[in-house]
C-alpha atoms as a PDB file:
ATOM      1  CA  MET A   1       1.950   3.094  20.943  1.00  0.00           C
ATOM      2  CA  ASP A   2       2.438   0.155  22.942  1.00  0.00           C
ATOM      3  CA  SER A   3       3.692  -2.681  20.592  1.00  0.00           C
ATOM      4  CA  ALA A   4       3.505  -5.172  23.315  1.00  0.00           C
ATOM      5  CA  VAL A   5      -0.423  -5.415  22.446  1.00  0.00           C
ATOM      6  CA  MET A   6      -1.441  -8.972  21.864  1.00  0.00           C
ATOM      7  CA  LEU A   7      -4.141  -9.326  19.357  1.00  0.00           C
ATOM      8  CA  PRO A   8      -6.719 -12.194  19.438  1.00  0.00           C
ATOM      9  CA  PRO A   9      -6.229 -14.373  16.186  1.00  0.00           C
ATOM     10  CA  ASP A  10      -9.733 -13.309  15.036  1.00  0.00           C
ATOM     11  CA  TYR A  11      -9.656  -9.887  15.678  1.00  0.00           C
ATOM     12  CA  ARG A  12     -11.101  -7.088  13.496  1.00  0.00           C
ATOM     13  CA  PRO A  13     -11.387  -3.640  14.176  1.00  0.00           C
ATOM     14  CA  SER A  14     -15.053  -2.597  15.227  1.00  0.00           C
ATOM     15  CA  GLU A  15     -16.759   0.759  15.333  1.00  0.00           C
ATOM     16  CA  LYS A  16     -17.596  -0.147  18.866  1.00  0.00           C
ATOM     17  CA  GLU A  17     -14.381   0.292  20.059  1.00  0.00           C
ATOM     18  CA  GLU A  18     -12.667   3.641  20.895  1.00  0.00           C
ATOM     19  CA  TYR A  19     -11.228   4.779  17.256  1.00  0.00           C
ATOM     20  CA  MET A  20      -7.658   4.230  16.858  1.00  0.00           C
ATOM     21  CA  ASN A  21      -6.889   2.540  20.158  1.00  0.00           C
ATOM     22  CA  ASP A  22      -3.936   0.432  20.628  1.00  0.00           C
ATOM     23  CA  MET A  23      -5.572  -2.830  19.447  1.00  0.00           C
ATOM     24  CA  GLN A  24      -6.668  -1.108  16.273  1.00  0.00           C
ATOM     25  CA  LEU A  25      -3.347   0.518  15.706  1.00  0.00           C
ATOM     26  CA  GLU A  26      -1.296  -3.192  16.185  1.00  0.00           C
ATOM     27  CA  TYR A  27      -3.874  -4.553  13.883  1.00  0.00           C
ATOM     28  CA  PHE A  28      -3.031  -2.244  11.202  1.00  0.00           C
ATOM     29  CA  ARG A  29       0.672  -2.159  12.045  1.00  0.00           C
ATOM     30  CA  GLN A  30       0.856  -6.063  11.415  1.00  0.00           C
ATOM     31  CA  LYS A  31      -1.494  -5.790   8.336  1.00  0.00           C
ATOM     32  CA  LEU A  32       0.873  -3.201   6.866  1.00  0.00           C
ATOM     33  CA  LEU A  33       3.962  -5.270   7.911  1.00  0.00           C
ATOM     34  CA  SER A  34       2.561  -8.517   6.289  1.00  0.00           C
ATOM     35  CA  TRP A  35       1.906  -6.644   3.308  1.00  0.00           C
ATOM     36  CA  LYS A  36       5.250  -5.040   2.919  1.00  0.00           C
ATOM     37  CA  LYS A  37       6.824  -8.496   3.637  1.00  0.00           C
ATOM     38  CA  SER A  38       4.584 -10.152   0.632  1.00  0.00           C
ATOM     39  CA  LEU A  39       5.668  -7.292  -1.609  1.00  0.00           C
ATOM     40  CA  ILE A  40       9.489  -7.636  -0.812  1.00  0.00           C
ATOM     41  CA  GLY A  41       9.009 -11.212  -1.414  1.00  0.00           C
ATOM     42  CA  GLN A  42       7.497 -10.887  -4.689  1.00  0.00           C
ATOM     43  CA  SER A  43      10.453  -8.198  -5.294  1.00  0.00           C
ATOM     44  CA  MET A  44      12.818 -10.776  -4.657  1.00  0.00           C
ATOM     45  CA  ASP A  45      11.185 -13.393  -7.197  1.00  0.00           C
ATOM     46  CA  THR A  46      11.383 -11.034  -9.878  1.00  0.00           C
ATOM     47  CA  LEU A  47      15.110 -10.389  -9.156  1.00  0.00           C
ATOM     48  CA  ASP A  48      15.742 -13.874  -9.698  1.00  0.00           C
ATOM     49  CA  ASP A  49      13.906 -14.249 -12.666  1.00  0.00           C
ATOM     50  CA  LEU A  50      15.542 -10.991 -14.396  1.00  0.00           C
ATOM     51  CA  LYS A  51      19.074 -12.730 -13.345  1.00  0.00           C
ATOM     52  CA  GLN A  52      17.917 -15.901 -15.118  1.00  0.00           C
ATOM     53  CA  GLY A  53      18.346 -13.999 -18.517  1.00  0.00           C
ATOM     54  CA  GLY A  54      16.709 -15.561 -21.331  1.00  0.00           C
ATOM     55  CA  LEU A  55      16.766 -12.868 -23.689  1.00  0.00           C
ATOM     56  CA  ASN A  56      18.860 -14.635 -26.011  1.00  0.00           C
ATOM     57  CA  GLN A  57      16.111 -16.592 -27.470  1.00  0.00           C
ATOM     58  CA  PRO A  58      16.692 -17.144 -31.428  1.00  0.00           C
ATOM     59  CA  ASP A  59      13.196 -16.410 -32.458  1.00  0.00           C
ATOM     60  CA  GLN A  60      12.640 -12.905 -32.791  1.00  0.00           C
ATOM     61  CA  ILE A  61       9.021 -13.046 -31.629  1.00  0.00           C
ATOM     62  CA  ASP A  62       9.908 -14.943 -28.522  1.00  0.00           C
ATOM     63  CA  ARG A  63      12.667 -12.442 -27.687  1.00  0.00           C
ATOM     64  CA  ALA A  64      10.196  -9.670 -28.018  1.00  0.00           C
ATOM     65  CA  SER A  65       7.563 -11.331 -26.048  1.00  0.00           C
ATOM     66  CA  LEU A  66       9.884 -11.907 -23.255  1.00  0.00           C
ATOM     67  CA  GLU A  67      11.415  -8.375 -23.316  1.00  0.00           C
ATOM     68  CA  SER A  68       7.750  -7.148 -23.298  1.00  0.00           C
ATOM     69  CA  ASP A  69       7.218  -9.469 -20.024  1.00  0.00           C
ATOM     70  CA  LYS A  70      10.027  -8.271 -18.234  1.00  0.00           C
ATOM     71  CA  ALA A  71       9.265  -4.568 -18.755  1.00  0.00           C
ATOM     72  CA  LEU A  72       5.620  -5.239 -17.498  1.00  0.00           C
ATOM     73  CA  GLU A  73       7.173  -6.931 -14.728  1.00  0.00           C
ATOM     74  CA  LEU A  74       9.593  -4.168 -13.642  1.00  0.00           C
ATOM     75  CA  ARG A  75       6.667  -1.596 -14.059  1.00  0.00           C
ATOM     76  CA  THR A  76       4.826  -3.822 -11.307  1.00  0.00           C
ATOM     77  CA  ARG A  77       7.702  -3.836  -9.325  1.00  0.00           C
ATOM     78  CA  ASP A  78       8.266  -0.118  -9.506  1.00  0.00           C
ATOM     79  CA  ARG A  79       4.615   0.362  -8.244  1.00  0.00           C
ATOM     80  CA  ALA A  80       5.229  -2.193  -5.334  1.00  0.00           C
ATOM     81  CA  ARG A  81       8.376  -0.107  -4.640  1.00  0.00           C
ATOM     82  CA  LYS A  82       6.388   3.331  -4.471  1.00  0.00           C
ATOM     83  CA  LEU A  83       3.773   1.180  -2.292  1.00  0.00           C
ATOM     84  CA  ILE A  84       6.518  -0.081   0.393  1.00  0.00           C
ATOM     85  CA  SER A  85       7.263   3.635   0.396  1.00  0.00           C
ATOM     86  CA  LYS A  86       3.609   4.368   1.299  1.00  0.00           C
ATOM     87  CA  ILE A  87       3.418   1.640   3.603  1.00  0.00           C
ATOM     88  CA  ASP A  88       6.528   2.811   5.525  1.00  0.00           C
ATOM     89  CA  GLU A  89       5.004   6.348   5.756  1.00  0.00           C
ATOM     90  CA  ALA A  90       1.843   4.466   7.088  1.00  0.00           C
ATOM     91  CA  LEU A  91       3.811   2.795   9.944  1.00  0.00           C
ATOM     92  CA  LYS A  92       5.605   6.265  10.836  1.00  0.00           C
ATOM     93  CA  ARG A  93       1.923   7.487  11.204  1.00  0.00           C
ATOM     94  CA  ILE A  94       1.174   4.644  13.623  1.00  0.00           C
ATOM     95  CA  GLU A  95       4.352   5.448  15.778  1.00  0.00           C
ATOM     96  CA  ASP A  96       3.561   9.260  15.756  1.00  0.00           C
ATOM     97  CA  GLY A  97      -0.041   8.926  16.595  1.00  0.00           C
ATOM     98  CA  THR A  98      -1.508  10.354  13.415  1.00  0.00           C
ATOM     99  CA  TYR A  99      -2.478   7.264  11.333  1.00  0.00           C
ATOM    100  CA  GLY A 100      -6.009   6.754  10.788  1.00  0.00           C
ATOM    101  CA  TYR A 101      -6.621  10.589  10.382  1.00  0.00           C
ATOM    102  CA  CYS A 102      -7.151  12.868   7.407  1.00  0.00           C
ATOM    103  CA  GLU A 103      -3.948  14.642   6.717  1.00  0.00           C
ATOM    104  CA  GLU A 104      -6.006  17.334   5.333  1.00  0.00           C
ATOM    105  CA  THR A 105      -9.100  17.730   7.787  1.00  0.00           C
ATOM    106  CA  GLY A 106      -7.801  15.628  10.774  1.00  0.00           C
ATOM    107  CA  ASP A 107     -10.937  13.785  10.706  1.00  0.00           C
ATOM    108  CA  PRO A 108     -11.012   9.845  11.133  1.00  0.00           C
ATOM    109  CA  ILE A 109     -10.729   8.143   7.778  1.00  0.00           C
ATOM    110  CA  GLY A 110     -12.813   5.128   8.643  1.00  0.00           C
ATOM    111  CA  LEU A 111     -11.952   1.680   9.438  1.00  0.00           C
ATOM    112  CA  GLU A 112     -13.586   0.313   6.261  1.00  0.00           C
ATOM    113  CA  ARG A 113     -11.612   2.709   4.147  1.00  0.00           C
ATOM    114  CA  LEU A 114      -8.451   1.628   5.884  1.00  0.00           C
ATOM    115  CA  GLU A 115      -9.387  -1.993   5.886  1.00  0.00           C
ATOM    116  CA  VAL A 116      -9.340  -1.659   2.157  1.00  0.00           C
ATOM    117  CA  ARG A 117      -6.651   0.851   1.703  1.00  0.00           C
ATOM    118  CA  PRO A 118      -4.651   0.782   4.929  1.00  0.00           C
ATOM    119  CA  VAL A 119      -2.089   3.413   3.482  1.00  0.00           C
ATOM    120  CA  ALA A 120      -4.807   5.912   2.891  1.00  0.00           C
ATOM    121  CA  THR A 121      -3.967   9.340   4.189  1.00  0.00           C
ATOM    122  CA  LEU A 122      -7.288  10.966   3.276  1.00  0.00           C
ATOM    123  CA  SER A 123     -10.989  10.514   4.196  1.00  0.00           C
ATOM    124  CA  ILE A 124     -13.279   9.684   1.622  1.00  0.00           C
ATOM    125  CA  GLU A 125     -14.794  13.226   1.278  1.00  0.00           C
ATOM    126  CA  ALA A 126     -11.348  14.763   0.848  1.00  0.00           C
ATOM    127  CA  GLN A 127     -10.165  12.051  -1.609  1.00  0.00           C
ATOM    128  CA  GLU A 128     -13.307  12.632  -3.526  1.00  0.00           C
ATOM    129  CA  ARG A 129     -12.604  16.622  -3.483  1.00  0.00           C
ATOM    130  CA  HIS A 130      -9.148  15.792  -4.734  1.00  0.00           C
ATOM    131  CA  GLU A 131     -10.050  13.820  -7.269  1.00  0.00           C
ATOM    132  CA  ARG A 132     -12.755  16.468  -8.312  1.00  0.00           C
ATOM    133  CA  MET A 133     -10.069  19.127  -8.498  1.00  0.00           C
ATOM    134  CA  GLU A 134      -7.947  17.025 -10.636  1.00  0.00           C
ATOM    135  CA  LYS A 135     -10.686  16.427 -13.135  1.00  0.00           C
ATOM    136  CA  THR A 136     -11.620  20.135 -13.442  1.00  0.00           C
ATOM    137  CA  TYR A 137      -7.650  20.537 -13.817  1.00  0.00           C
ATOM    138  CA  ASP A 138      -7.335  18.022 -16.511  1.00  0.00           C
ATOM    139  CA  ASP A 139     -10.448  19.314 -18.547  1.00  0.00           C
ATOM    140  CA  GLU A 140      -8.844  22.927 -18.410  1.00  0.00           C
ATOM    141  CA  VAL A 141      -5.683  21.497 -19.602  1.00  0.00           C
END
């Protein structure tokens, strides 16, 4: 992929274009990088908040509430960490030419799905199949 592609400021991928052409790949690359930057910034804010301490509140209820808030914040950051890993994997797929195609069937994932979930690795049909299989398995257990 040629990373020298310049996108117009108002560019949006279109079904009228060739699927996963250089412009679309660059659009999703920039979208993923921006999302990753935002998640990293939020994580840095969380670290700063945690360094502030504040758990030595004299009131037990205040302290418990603060501990609960911090635990929730850490779980949220853990999800962000996992999402950053998925973003990195999507960026690798852009580089190796497999981005936008279902890892199960090889079919296009689709622009609408990628717009909503740029880290998607399965087409809607394959995702639904996986979810049905998981539900069947869960019902059997």
